[in-house]
Each structure stands twice: as C-alpha cells, then as structure tokens.
C-alpha cells in the first residue's frame, strides 16, 4: 500500500540527517516498548509482516509525529487488540531471551527457481496494492538491473494477511537515480530488494 512509510523521493520532508552518536534508546519508555514488542512477537500470534502492515496503516499524522518506538507502540496496541489474550501463547522466559535473539527470525525458505539472473534487466510492475507490499512506490513502473539473487524468501504481501508464506525468489535490483527521479537528481544509484512477483522482463 502507499502508506506514510513510503517516502522515497517525496518532497517536503527535508534531508535525512543522522544523529551523531545516536543512542539505541532516547528514553526508558523506548527500551520498554522494544522489550514488550519482542516478548509479544515471541508468542507467535502474528507475523512480522502483519506487524509492519499495522505500523504503515497508522494515521499519517501519528506516523510522522510519534517517532520510531512510538510507531512500534501504536502498532503493538492494534496487534494486541486483534488477538484473544485468553488463548494460550508461547512465553519467552528470561533464560530464553538471548538464544531467541541469536536465532532471529529467518525467512528464507525452499522455493521456486529464480526466473532472473544477475545482469538481467527487469521492470517493476506498475501497481498500487491496497494492502502490504515491500515494493516501494518510487520504483514501481521503473527499470533496473538485477545485481544479486538471494534465493527464496517468505513473500510479505501474502504473509502479512494470513494468506500463506508463498516463498518467492528475492533479488537486489539497482536503478539509476535518474530513472527514478529524472536527470536533475543529485542522488546516486538506488538498490531495492524486490520479490519476483513484483517484476517483469524489461522490454
């Protein structure tokens, strides 16, 4: 979907200015939201893709003013409201936190053979899905070159909505910035990780 998170090339937001020596957390409540989100995610009651979908469907004003962990908290509130807390869930105990964090949440899966190879020219399908997608709006309809073939991974567009993991090949595609934003851009090449269902052969 074309949500508030999809800002690449949008006017009016100014440059991204990294904070020097930025701390991991700016306040204690951010640390607590981080821990609470991980603990609730370990229950297995929703997928990472669904949690991303609920973040990007927060009201635009909330998304732009709440800050990073404020967005996490807003989505967590919506996720908890969706589930029945009386149903049994997995519980992440203290001794299991570090092993669980070390394992992460791998999303690579056996899947179909890739249709494209490094060097192939591909076009991102022009589309405006109403639901979750990892295809940024600023690359849709544009042509780039496959620079990496990663293997098959869970397809977020279906996994976010309980429609199955449907593993699909994942590629890194490089676009000249001028292809995305015109010849007067000062940006350099842009790389995006894109699943095969987003792509079609370039004419």
Foldseek 3Di string as FASTA:
>chain_A
DQFLVQCVPNPDPDDDDDDPPDDPDPDPVLVVLVVVLVFVVQQVLADPLLLVQLLRPDPNVQNVPLPDSRSSVSSVVVSVVVDDPVDDTDGQDPVNPVVDVVVDDFFADAADDDPDDFFFKKAFDADDDPTDAQPRNLRHRFIFTFHDWDHWGFHSRCRNPVNDRRTFIKTWTKDAVCRRPNDPDPDGIDIGIHGPVRIDGDD
